[in-house]
Amino acid sequence: QKVVAEDTQQRLQEERRLMYVGITRAQRTLAVSWTK
């Protein structure tokens, strides 16, 4: 990751796009889970 390090804000924007891609894979039902 350090090889192509971007600033924090740009990386956060790409991670948000990754979440968006995950959500839009779903056709009928979507569940999002997290662990304590």
Full PDB file with SEQRES, HELIX, SHEET, SSBOND, CRYST1, ORIGX, SCALE, CONECT and MASTER records, all heavy atoms in Angstrom:
SEQRES   1 A   36  GLN LYS VAL VAL ALA GLU ASP THR GLN GLN ARG LEU GLN          
SEQRES   2 A   36  GLU GLU ARG ARG LEU MET TYR VAL GLY ILE THR ARG ALA          
SEQRES   3 A   36  GLN ARG THR LEU ALA VAL SER TRP THR LYS                      
HELIX    1 AA1 LYS A    2  VAL A    4  5                                   3    
HELIX    2 AA2 THR A    8  ILE A   23  1                                  16    
CRYST1    1.000    1.000    1.000  90.00  90.00  90.00 P 1           1          
ORIGX1      1.000000  0.000000  0.000000        0.00000                         
ORIGX2      0.000000  1.000000  0.000000        0.00000                         
ORIGX3      0.000000  0.000000  1.000000        0.00000                         
SCALE1      1.000000  0.000000  0.000000        0.00000                         
SCALE2      0.000000  1.000000  0.000000        0.00000                         
SCALE3      0.000000  0.000000  1.000000        0.00000                         
ATOM      1  N   GLN A   1       0.831  -1.199   0.000  1.00  0.00           N  
ATOM      2  CA  GLN A   1       0.000   0.000   0.000  1.00  0.00           C  
ATOM      3  C   GLN A   1       0.874   1.261   0.000  1.00  0.00           C  
ATOM      4  O   GLN A   1       0.539   2.251  -0.627  1.00  0.00           O  
ATOM      5  CB  GLN A   1      -0.925   0.003   1.220  1.00  0.00           C  
ATOM      6  CG  GLN A   1      -1.915  -1.155   1.251  1.00  0.00           C  
ATOM      7  CD  GLN A   1      -3.113  -0.906   0.346  1.00  0.00           C  
ATOM      8  OE1 GLN A   1      -3.254   0.174  -0.197  1.00  0.00           O  
ATOM      9  NE2 GLN A   1      -3.952  -1.897   0.164  1.00  0.00           N  
ATOM     10  N   LYS A   2       2.000   1.192   0.706  1.00  0.00           N  
ATOM     11  CA  LYS A   2       2.858   2.383   0.805  1.00  0.00           C  
ATOM     12  C   LYS A   2       3.429   2.774  -0.550  1.00  0.00           C  
ATOM     13  O   LYS A   2       3.707   3.938  -0.804  1.00  0.00           O  
ATOM     14  CB  LYS A   2       3.993   2.114   1.786  1.00  0.00           C  
ATOM     15  CG  LYS A   2       3.547   2.155   3.249  1.00  0.00           C  
ATOM     16  CD  LYS A   2       4.672   1.757   4.176  1.00  0.00           C  
ATOM     17  CE  LYS A   2       5.769   2.796   4.217  1.00  0.00           C  
ATOM     18  NZ  LYS A   2       6.823   2.440   5.153  1.00  0.00           N  
ATOM     19  N   VAL A   3       3.591   1.750  -1.451  1.00  0.00           N  
ATOM     20  CA  VAL A   3       4.158   2.036  -2.764  1.00  0.00           C  
ATOM     21  C   VAL A   3       3.345   3.089  -3.495  1.00  0.00           C  
ATOM     22  O   VAL A   3       3.866   3.969  -4.164  1.00  0.00           O  
ATOM     23  CB  VAL A   3       4.220   0.725  -3.597  1.00  0.00           C  
ATOM     24  CG1 VAL A   3       4.505   1.035  -5.051  1.00  0.00           C  
ATOM     25  CG2 VAL A   3       5.284  -0.195  -3.025  1.00  0.00           C  
ATOM     26  N   VAL A   4       2.006   2.991  -3.368  1.00  0.00           N  
ATOM     27  CA  VAL A   4       1.146   3.931  -4.081  1.00  0.00           C  
ATOM     28  C   VAL A   4       0.325   4.742  -3.085  1.00  0.00           C  
ATOM     29  O   VAL A   4      -0.850   4.988  -3.252  1.00  0.00           O  
ATOM     30  CB  VAL A   4       0.226   3.172  -5.067  1.00  0.00           C  
ATOM     31  CG1 VAL A   4       0.993   2.632  -6.233  1.00  0.00           C  
ATOM     32  CG2 VAL A   4      -0.503   2.033  -4.361  1.00  0.00           C  
ATOM     33  N   ALA A   5       0.981   5.128  -1.989  1.00  0.00           N  
ATOM     34  CA  ALA A   5       0.260   5.808  -0.898  1.00  0.00           C  
ATOM     35  C   ALA A   5      -0.391   7.092  -1.373  1.00  0.00           C  
ATOM     36  O   ALA A   5       0.214   7.920  -2.013  1.00  0.00           O  
ATOM     37  CB  ALA A   5       1.246   6.108   0.228  1.00  0.00           C  
ATOM     38  N   GLU A   6      -1.649   7.231  -1.084  1.00  0.00           N  
ATOM     39  CA  GLU A   6      -2.399   8.454  -1.335  1.00  0.00           C  
ATOM     40  C   GLU A   6      -2.581   9.133   0.012  1.00  0.00           C  
ATOM     41  O   GLU A   6      -2.300   8.564   1.065  1.00  0.00           O  
ATOM     42  CB  GLU A   6      -3.767   8.119  -1.934  1.00  0.00           C  
ATOM     43  CG  GLU A   6      -3.718   7.301  -3.207  1.00  0.00           C  
ATOM     44  CD  GLU A   6      -3.390   8.158  -4.415  1.00  0.00           C  
ATOM     45  OE1 GLU A   6      -3.469   9.397  -4.306  1.00  0.00           O  
ATOM     46  OE2 GLU A   6      -3.047   7.590  -5.441  1.00  0.00           O  
ATOM     47  N   ASP A   7      -3.101  10.337   0.010  1.00  0.00           N  
ATOM     48  CA  ASP A   7      -3.390  10.933   1.294  1.00  0.00           C  
ATOM     49  C   ASP A   7      -4.634  10.278   1.885  1.00  0.00           C  
ATOM     50  O   ASP A   7      -5.396   9.587   1.217  1.00  0.00           O  
ATOM     51  CB  ASP A   7      -3.554  12.455   1.185  1.00  0.00           C  
ATOM     52  CG  ASP A   7      -4.752  12.867   0.355  1.00  0.00           C  
ATOM     53  OD1 ASP A   7      -5.834  12.276   0.506  1.00  0.00           O  
ATOM     54  OD2 ASP A   7      -4.613  13.802  -0.454  1.00  0.00           O  
ATOM     55  N   THR A   8      -4.829  10.469   3.192  1.00  0.00           N  
ATOM     56  CA  THR A   8      -5.879   9.768   3.931  1.00  0.00           C  
ATOM     57  C   THR A   8      -7.257   9.988   3.326  1.00  0.00           C  
ATOM     58  O   THR A   8      -8.051   9.051   3.214  1.00  0.00           O  
ATOM     59  CB  THR A   8      -5.879  10.242   5.398  1.00  0.00           C  
ATOM     60  OG1 THR A   8      -4.575  10.036   5.933  1.00  0.00           O  
ATOM     61  CG2 THR A   8      -6.896   9.485   6.215  1.00  0.00           C  
ATOM     62  N   GLN A   9      -7.535  11.198   2.902  1.00  0.00           N  
ATOM     63  CA  GLN A   9      -8.863  11.501   2.378  1.00  0.00           C  
ATOM     64  C   GLN A   9      -9.151  10.737   1.093  1.00  0.00           C  
ATOM     65  O   GLN A   9     -10.246  10.205   0.902  1.00  0.00           O  
ATOM     66  CB  GLN A   9      -8.991  13.014   2.126  1.00  0.00           C  
ATOM     67  CG  GLN A   9     -10.423  13.494   1.957  1.00  0.00           C  
ATOM     68  CD  GLN A   9     -11.310  13.166   3.156  1.00  0.00           C  
ATOM     69  OE1 GLN A   9     -10.852  13.186   4.285  1.00  0.00           O  
ATOM     70  NE2 GLN A   9     -12.564  12.838   2.893  1.00  0.00           N  
ATOM     71  N   GLN A  10      -8.167  10.648   0.216  1.00  0.00           N  
ATOM     72  CA  GLN A  10      -8.359   9.912  -1.036  1.00  0.00           C  
ATOM     73  C   GLN A  10      -8.568   8.428  -0.773  1.00  0.00           C  
ATOM     74  O   GLN A  10      -9.396   7.782  -1.418  1.00  0.00           O  
ATOM     75  CB  GLN A  10      -7.168  10.131  -1.966  1.00  0.00           C  
ATOM     76  CG  GLN A  10      -7.140  11.520  -2.588  1.00  0.00           C  
ATOM     77  CD  GLN A  10      -5.917  11.713  -3.457  1.00  0.00           C  
ATOM     78  OE1 GLN A  10      -4.785  11.435  -3.044  1.00  0.00           O  
ATOM     79  NE2 GLN A  10      -6.132  12.201  -4.665  1.00  0.00           N  
ATOM     80  N   ARG A  11      -7.816   7.886   0.199  1.00  0.00           N  
ATOM     81  CA  ARG A  11      -7.987   6.469   0.530  1.00  0.00           C  
ATOM     82  C   ARG A  11      -9.367   6.224   1.114  1.00  0.00           C  
ATOM     83  O   ARG A  11     -10.017   5.218   0.808  1.00  0.00           O  
ATOM     84  CB  ARG A  11      -6.899   6.013   1.513  1.00  0.00           C  
ATOM     85  CG  ARG A  11      -5.502   6.014   0.900  1.00  0.00           C  
ATOM     86  CD  ARG A  11      -4.576   5.061   1.633  1.00  0.00           C  
ATOM     87  NE  ARG A  11      -4.540   5.284   3.067  1.00  0.00           N  
ATOM     88  CZ  ARG A  11      -3.729   6.123   3.679  1.00  0.00           C  
ATOM     89  NH1 ARG A  11      -2.908   6.879   2.965  1.00  0.00           N  
ATOM     90  NH2 ARG A  11      -3.746   6.248   4.986  1.00  0.00           N  
ATOM     91  N   LEU A  12      -9.835   7.131   1.956  1.00  0.00           N  
ATOM     92  CA  LEU A  12     -11.165   6.984   2.541  1.00  0.00           C  
ATOM     93  C   LEU A  12     -12.235   7.013   1.445  1.00  0.00           C  
ATOM     94  O   LEU A  12     -13.196   6.232   1.475  1.00  0.00           O  
ATOM     95  CB  LEU A  12     -11.427   8.101   3.554  1.00  0.00           C  
ATOM     96  CG  LEU A  12     -12.826   8.115   4.193  1.00  0.00           C  
ATOM     97  CD1 LEU A  12     -13.088   6.826   4.959  1.00  0.00           C  
ATOM     98  CD2 LEU A  12     -12.978   9.333   5.108  1.00  0.00           C  
ATOM     99  N   GLN A  13     -12.060   7.875   0.460  1.00  0.00           N  
ATOM    100  CA  GLN A  13     -13.024   7.944  -0.639  1.00  0.00           C  
ATOM    101  C   GLN A  13     -13.055   6.635  -1.432  1.00  0.00           C  
ATOM    102  O   GLN A  13     -14.120   6.167  -1.838  1.00  0.00           O  
ATOM    103  CB  GLN A  13     -12.679   9.119  -1.560  1.00  0.00           C  
ATOM    104  CG  GLN A  13     -12.954  10.485  -0.935  1.00  0.00           C  
ATOM    105  CD  GLN A  13     -12.318  11.624  -1.704  1.00  0.00           C  
ATOM    106  OE1 GLN A  13     -11.844  11.443  -2.832  1.00  0.00           O  
ATOM    107  NE2 GLN A  13     -12.298  12.805  -1.104  1.00  0.00           N  
ATOM    108  N   GLU A  14     -11.891   6.035  -1.619  1.00  0.00           N  
ATOM    109  CA  GLU A  14     -11.867   4.753  -2.340  1.00  0.00           C  
ATOM    110  C   GLU A  14     -12.514   3.652  -1.509  1.00  0.00           C  
ATOM    111  O   GLU A  14     -13.226   2.794  -2.047  1.00  0.00           O  
ATOM    112  CB  GLU A  14     -10.432   4.367  -2.724  1.00  0.00           C  
ATOM    113  CG  GLU A  14     -10.370   3.048  -3.469  1.00  0.00           C  
ATOM    114  CD  GLU A  14      -9.147   2.904  -4.363  1.00  0.00           C  
ATOM    115  OE1 GLU A  14      -8.723   3.894  -4.990  1.00  0.00           O  
ATOM    116  OE2 GLU A  14      -8.632   1.784  -4.453  1.00  0.00           O  
ATOM    117  N   GLU A  15     -12.294   3.663  -0.201  1.00  0.00           N  
ATOM    118  CA  GLU A  15     -12.941   2.673   0.665  1.00  0.00           C  
ATOM    119  C   GLU A  15     -14.465   2.842   0.644  1.00  0.00           C  
ATOM    120  O   GLU A  15     -15.217   1.868   0.672  1.00  0.00           O  
ATOM    121  CB  GLU A  15     -12.426   2.803   2.099  1.00  0.00           C  
ATOM    122  CG  GLU A  15     -10.972   2.406   2.276  1.00  0.00           C  
ATOM    123  CD  GLU A  15     -10.753   0.915   2.085  1.00  0.00           C  
ATOM    124  OE1 GLU A  15     -11.382   0.116   2.801  1.00  0.00           O  
ATOM    125  OE2 GLU A  15      -9.962   0.548   1.195  1.00  0.00           O  
ATOM    126  N   ARG A  16     -14.920   4.094   0.578  1.00  0.00           N  
ATOM    127  CA  ARG A  16     -16.368   4.353   0.496  1.00  0.00           C  
ATOM    128  C   ARG A  16     -16.917   3.802  -0.822  1.00  0.00           C  
ATOM    129  O   ARG A  16     -18.004   3.229  -0.870  1.00  0.00           O  
ATOM    130  CB  ARG A  16     -16.637   5.849   0.628  1.00  0.00           C  
ATOM    131  CG  ARG A  16     -18.124   6.186   0.728  1.00  0.00           C  
ATOM    132  CD  ARG A  16     -18.365   7.670   0.959  1.00  0.00           C  
ATOM    133  NE  ARG A  16     -18.129   8.047   2.351  1.00  0.00           N  
ATOM    134  CZ  ARG A  16     -17.151   8.845   2.760  1.00  0.00           C  
ATOM    135  NH1 ARG A  16     -16.304   9.351   1.873  1.00  0.00           N  
ATOM    136  NH2 ARG A  16     -17.012   9.143   4.026  1.00  0.00           N  
ATOM    137  N   ARG A  17     -16.148   3.956  -1.892  1.00  0.00           N  
ATOM    138  CA  ARG A  17     -16.580   3.396  -3.180  1.00  0.00           C  
ATOM    139  C   ARG A  17     -16.636   1.873  -3.113  1.00  0.00           C  
ATOM    140  O   ARG A  17     -17.501   1.239  -3.724  1.00  0.00           O  
ATOM    141  CB  ARG A  17     -15.638   3.859  -4.298  1.00  0.00           C  
ATOM    142  CG  ARG A  17     -15.709   5.357  -4.576  1.00  0.00           C  
ATOM    143  CD  ARG A  17     -15.035   5.726  -5.886  1.00  0.00           C  
ATOM    144  NE  ARG A  17     -13.591   5.583  -5.861  1.00  0.00           N  
ATOM    145  CZ  ARG A  17     -12.740   6.556  -5.547  1.00  0.00           C  
ATOM    146  NH1 ARG A  17     -13.198   7.756  -5.178  1.00  0.00           N  
ATOM    147  NH2 ARG A  17     -11.433   6.354  -5.566  1.00  0.00           N  
ATOM    148  N   LEU A  18     -15.720   1.293  -2.352  1.00  0.00           N  
ATOM    149  CA  LEU A  18     -15.716  -0.166  -2.192  1.00  0.00           C  
ATOM    150  C   LEU A  18     -16.983  -0.631  -1.471  1.00  0.00           C  
ATOM    151  O   LEU A  18     -17.592  -1.646  -1.838  1.00  0.00           O  
ATOM    152  CB  LEU A  18     -14.462  -0.589  -1.412  1.00  0.00           C  
ATOM    153  CG  LEU A  18     -14.100  -2.065  -1.402  1.00  0.00           C  
ATOM    154  CD1 LEU A  18     -13.931  -2.618  -2.810  1.00  0.00           C  
ATOM    155  CD2 LEU A  18     -12.817  -2.291  -0.603  1.00  0.00           C  
ATOM    156  N   MET A  19     -17.396   0.092  -0.441  1.00  0.00           N  
ATOM    157  CA  MET A  19     -18.650  -0.207   0.257  1.00  0.00           C  
ATOM    158  C   MET A  19     -19.828  -0.078  -0.707  1.00  0.00           C  
ATOM    159  O   MET A  19     -20.743  -0.913  -0.719  1.00  0.00           O  
ATOM    160  CB  MET A  19     -18.820   0.745   1.442  1.00  0.00           C  
ATOM    161  CG  MET A  19     -20.093   0.542   2.240  1.00  0.00           C  
ATOM    162  SD  MET A  19     -20.020  -0.957   3.247  1.00  0.00           S  
ATOM    163  CE  MET A  19     -21.590  -0.829   4.135  1.00  0.00           C  
ATOM    164  N   TYR A  20     -19.806   0.950  -1.527  1.00  0.00           N  
ATOM    165  CA  TYR A  20     -20.861   1.184  -2.519  1.00  0.00           C  
ATOM    166  C   TYR A  20     -20.945   0.012  -3.497  1.00  0.00           C  
ATOM    167  O   TYR A  20     -22.039  -0.471  -3.823  1.00  0.00           O  
ATOM    168  CB  TYR A  20     -20.553   2.491  -3.248  1.00  0.00           C  
ATOM    169  CG  TYR A  20     -21.454   2.819  -4.414  1.00  0.00           C  
ATOM    170  CD1 TYR A  20     -22.688   3.445  -4.220  1.00  0.00           C  
ATOM    171  CD2 TYR A  20     -21.051   2.542  -5.729  1.00  0.00           C  
ATOM    172  CE1 TYR A  20     -23.502   3.779  -5.303  1.00  0.00           C  
ATOM    173  CE2 TYR A  20     -21.859   2.866  -6.805  1.00  0.00           C  
ATOM    174  CZ  TYR A  20     -23.082   3.478  -6.589  1.00  0.00           C  
ATOM    175  OH  TYR A  20     -23.881   3.796  -7.660  1.00  0.00           O  
ATOM    176  N   VAL A  21     -19.790  -0.461  -3.964  1.00  0.00           N  
ATOM    177  CA  VAL A  21     -19.764  -1.616  -4.867  1.00  0.00           C  
ATOM    178  C   VAL A  21     -20.390  -2.827  -4.181  1.00  0.00           C  
ATOM    179  O   VAL A  21     -21.197  -3.553  -4.778  1.00  0.00           O  
ATOM    180  CB  VAL A  21     -18.316  -1.929  -5.322  1.00  0.00           C  
ATOM    181  CG1 VAL A  21     -18.209  -3.319  -5.933  1.00  0.00           C  
ATOM    182  CG2 VAL A  21     -17.841  -0.876  -6.309  1.00  0.00           C  
ATOM    183  N   GLY A  22     -20.038  -3.059  -2.903  1.00  0.00           N  
ATOM    184  CA  GLY A  22     -20.597  -4.191  -2.178  1.00  0.00           C  
ATOM    185  C   GLY A  22     -22.116  -4.115  -2.070  1.00  0.00           C  
ATOM    186  O   GLY A  22     -22.827  -5.098  -2.314  1.00  0.00           O  
ATOM    187  N   ILE A  23     -22.629  -2.943  -1.715  1.00  0.00           N  
ATOM    188  CA  ILE A  23     -24.080  -2.767  -1.564  1.00  0.00           C  
ATOM    189  C   ILE A  23     -24.797  -3.033  -2.882  1.00  0.00           C  
ATOM    190  O   ILE A  23     -25.830  -3.713  -2.927  1.00  0.00           O  
ATOM    191  CB  ILE A  23     -24.400  -1.340  -1.068  1.00  0.00           C  
ATOM    192  CG1 ILE A  23     -23.890  -1.141   0.360  1.00  0.00           C  
ATOM    193  CG2 ILE A  23     -25.901  -1.059  -1.132  1.00  0.00           C  
ATOM    194  CD1 ILE A  23     -23.960   0.301   0.841  1.00  0.00           C  
ATOM    195  N   THR A  24     -24.225  -2.532  -3.977  1.00  0.00           N  
ATOM    196  CA  THR A  24     -24.910  -2.634  -5.272  1.00  0.00           C  
ATOM    197  C   THR A  24     -24.732  -3.989  -5.951  1.00  0.00           C  
ATOM    198  O   THR A  24     -25.174  -4.177  -7.086  1.00  0.00           O  
ATOM    199  CB  THR A  24     -24.435  -1.514  -6.223  1.00  0.00           C  
ATOM    200  OG1 THR A  24     -22.998  -1.524  -6.306  1.00  0.00           O  
ATOM    201  CG2 THR A  24     -24.912  -0.152  -5.735  1.00  0.00           C  
ATOM    202  N   ARG A  25     -24.124  -4.953  -5.262  1.00  0.00           N  
ATOM    203  CA  ARG A  25     -24.110  -6.330  -5.793  1.00  0.00           C  
ATOM    204  C   ARG A  25     -25.445  -7.016  -5.516  1.00  0.00           C  
ATOM    205  O   ARG A  25     -25.757  -8.046  -6.112  1.00  0.00           O  
ATOM    206  CB  ARG A  25     -23.003  -7.174  -5.148  1.00  0.00           C  
ATOM    207  CG  ARG A  25     -21.562  -6.737  -5.346  1.00  0.00           C  
ATOM    208  CD  ARG A  25     -21.221  -6.410  -6.752  1.00  0.00           C  
ATOM    209  NE  ARG A  25     -21.401  -4.981  -7.018  1.00  0.00           N  
ATOM    210  CZ  ARG A  25     -21.517  -4.456  -8.238  1.00  0.00           C  
ATOM    211  NH1 ARG A  25     -21.485  -5.222  -9.299  1.00  0.00           N  
ATOM    212  NH2 ARG A  25     -21.674  -3.158  -8.407  1.00  0.00           N  
ATOM    213  N   ALA A  26     -26.223  -6.490  -4.558  1.00  0.00           N  
ATOM    214  CA  ALA A  26     -27.440  -7.158  -4.079  1.00  0.00           C  
ATOM    215  C   ALA A  26     -28.639  -6.813  -4.953  1.00  0.00           C  
ATOM    216  O   ALA A  26     -28.863  -5.646  -5.282  1.00  0.00           O  
ATOM    217  CB  ALA A  26     -27.709  -6.759  -2.633  1.00  0.00           C  
ATOM    218  N   GLN A  27     -29.417  -7.821  -5.275  1.00  0.00           N  
ATOM    219  CA  GLN A  27     -30.624  -7.619  -6.069  1.00  0.00           C  
ATOM    220  C   GLN A  27     -31.873  -7.476  -5.194  1.00  0.00           C  
ATOM    221  O   GLN A  27     -32.641  -6.531  -5.349  1.00  0.00           O  
ATOM    222  CB  GLN A  27     -30.817  -8.799  -7.033  1.00  0.00           C  
ATOM    223  CG  GLN A  27     -29.715  -8.929  -8.071  1.00  0.00           C  
ATOM    224  CD  GLN A  27     -29.829 -10.225  -8.850  1.00  0.00           C  
ATOM    225  OE1 GLN A  27     -30.135 -11.284  -8.302  1.00  0.00           O  
ATOM    226  NE2 GLN A  27     -29.575 -10.162 -10.146  1.00  0.00           N  
ATOM    227  N   ARG A  28     -32.096  -8.435  -4.273  1.00  0.00           N  
ATOM    228  CA  ARG A  28     -33.365  -8.464  -3.527  1.00  0.00           C  
ATOM    229  C   ARG A  28     -33.201  -8.216  -2.038  1.00  0.00           C  
ATOM    230  O   ARG A  28     -34.009  -7.526  -1.425  1.00  0.00           O  
ATOM    231  CB  ARG A  28     -34.059  -9.815  -3.758  1.00  0.00           C  
ATOM    232  CG  ARG A  28     -34.617  -9.957  -5.164  1.00  0.00           C  
ATOM    233  CD  ARG A  28     -35.088 -11.374  -5.450  1.00  0.00           C  
ATOM    234  NE  ARG A  28     -35.908 -11.908  -4.370  1.00  0.00           N  
ATOM    235  CZ  ARG A  28     -36.122 -13.209  -4.173  1.00  0.00           C  
ATOM    236  NH1 ARG A  28     -35.547 -14.088  -4.974  1.00  0.00           N  
ATOM    237  NH2 ARG A  28     -36.886 -13.624  -3.189  1.00  0.00           N  
ATOM    238  N   THR A  29     -32.189  -8.813  -1.407  1.00  0.00           N  
ATOM    239  CA  THR A  29     -31.991  -8.590   0.027  1.00  0.00           C  
ATOM    240  C   THR A  29     -30.527  -8.284   0.310  1.00  0.00           C  
ATOM    241  O   THR A  29     -29.629  -8.797  -0.360  1.00  0.00           O  
ATOM    242  CB  THR A  29     -32.413  -9.806   0.884  1.00  0.00           C  
ATOM    243  OG1 THR A  29     -31.437 -10.856   0.754  1.00  0.00           O  
ATOM    244  CG2 THR A  29     -33.794 -10.326   0.500  1.00  0.00           C  
ATOM    245  N   LEU A  30     -30.314  -7.441   1.319  1.00  0.00           N  
ATOM    246  CA  LEU A  30     -28.964  -7.073   1.736  1.00  0.00           C  
ATOM    247  C   LEU A  30     -28.914  -7.017   3.249  1.00  0.00           C  
ATOM    248  O   LEU A  30     -29.781  -6.413   3.887  1.00  0.00           O  
ATOM    249  CB  LEU A  30     -28.578  -5.705   1.163  1.00  0.00           C  
ATOM    250  CG  LEU A  30     -27.260  -5.103   1.674  1.00  0.00           C  
ATOM    251  CD1 LEU A  30     -26.068  -5.932   1.199  1.00  0.00           C  
ATOM    252  CD2 LEU A  30     -27.117  -3.653   1.214  1.00  0.00           C  
ATOM    253  N   ALA A  31     -27.913  -7.672   3.816  1.00  0.00           N  
ATOM    254  CA  ALA A  31     -27.632  -7.562   5.252  1.00  0.00           C  
ATOM    255  C   ALA A  31     -26.190  -7.110   5.418  1.00  0.00           C  
ATOM    256  O   ALA A  31     -25.304  -7.517   4.661  1.00  0.00           O  
ATOM    257  CB  ALA A  31     -27.852  -8.899   5.948  1.00  0.00           C  
ATOM    258  N   VAL A  32     -25.964  -6.241   6.384  1.00  0.00           N  
ATOM    259  CA  VAL A  32     -24.623  -5.730   6.684  1.00  0.00           C  
ATOM    260  C   VAL A  32     -24.314  -6.099   8.124  1.00  0.00           C  
ATOM    261  O   VAL A  32     -25.089  -5.786   9.033  1.00  0.00           O  
ATOM    262  CB  VAL A  32     -24.567  -4.198   6.510  1.00  0.00           C  
ATOM    263  CG1 VAL A  32     -23.187  -3.672   6.857  1.00  0.00           C  
ATOM    264  CG2 VAL A  32     -24.949  -3.809   5.085  1.00  0.00           C  
ATOM    265  N   SER A  33     -23.198  -6.801   8.339  1.00  0.00           N  
ATOM    266  CA  SER A  33     -22.913  -7.248   9.710  1.00  0.00           C  
ATOM    267  C   SER A  33     -21.570  -6.725  10.197  1.00  0.00           C  
ATOM    268  O   SER A  33     -20.652  -6.490   9.411  1.00  0.00           O  
ATOM    269  CB  SER A  33     -22.978  -8.777   9.800  1.00  0.00           C  
ATOM    270  OG  SER A  33     -21.847  -9.383   9.250  1.00  0.00           O  
ATOM    271  N   TRP A  34     -21.479  -6.558  11.519  1.00  0.00           N  
ATOM    272  CA  TRP A  34     -20.238  -6.104  12.141  1.00  0.00           C  
ATOM    273  C   TRP A  34     -20.067  -6.841  13.470  1.00  0.00           C  
ATOM    274  O   TRP A  34     -21.022  -7.414  14.006  1.00  0.00           O  
ATOM    275  CB  TRP A  34     -20.254  -4.595  12.361  1.00  0.00           C  
ATOM    276  CG  TRP A  34     -21.307  -4.103  13.325  1.00  0.00           C  
ATOM    277  CD1 TRP A  34     -22.634  -3.934  13.087  1.00  0.00           C  
ATOM    278  CD2 TRP A  34     -21.100  -3.753  14.696  1.00  0.00           C  
ATOM    279  NE1 TRP A  34     -23.284  -3.496  14.206  1.00  0.00           N  
ATOM    280  CE2 TRP A  34     -22.366  -3.376  15.215  1.00  0.00           C  
ATOM    281  CE3 TRP A  34     -19.983  -3.711  15.540  1.00  0.00           C  
ATOM    282  CZ2 TRP A  34     -22.533  -2.967  16.539  1.00  0.00           C  
ATOM    283  CZ3 TRP A  34     -20.156  -3.291  16.855  1.00  0.00           C  
ATOM    284  CH2 TRP A  34     -21.418  -2.926  17.339  1.00  0.00           C  
ATOM    285  N   THR A  35     -18.853  -6.854  13.986  1.00  0.00           N  
ATOM    286  CA  THR A  35     -18.560  -7.574  15.232  1.00  0.00           C  
ATOM    287  C   THR A  35     -18.103  -6.614  16.309  1.00  0.00           C  
ATOM    288  O   THR A  35     -17.424  -5.620  16.022  1.00  0.00           O  
ATOM    289  CB  THR A  35     -17.453  -8.626  14.998  1.00  0.00           C  
ATOM    290  OG1 THR A  35     -16.282  -7.970  14.520  1.00  0.00           O  
ATOM    291  CG2 THR A  35     -17.889  -9.671  13.985  1.00  0.00           C  
ATOM    292  N   LYS A  36     -18.473  -6.941  17.539  1.00  0.00           N  
ATOM    293  CA  LYS A  36     -18.080  -6.091  18.668  1.00  0.00           C  
ATOM    294  C   LYS A  36     -16.616  -6.312  19.043  1.00  0.00           C  
ATOM    295  O   LYS A  36     -15.985  -5.455  19.656  1.00  0.00           O  
ATOM    296  CB  LYS A  36     -18.987  -6.389  19.862  1.00  0.00           C  
ATOM    297  CG  LYS A  36     -20.440  -6.009  19.593  1.00  0.00           C  
ATOM    298  CD  LYS A  36     -21.365  -6.498  20.694  1.00  0.00           C  
ATOM    299  CE  LYS A  36     -22.816  -6.184  20.342  1.00  0.00           C  
ATOM    300  NZ  LYS A  36     -23.774  -6.755  21.306  1.00  0.00           N  
TER     301      LYS A  36                                                      
MASTER        0    0    0    2    0    0    0    6  300    1    0    3          
END                                                                             
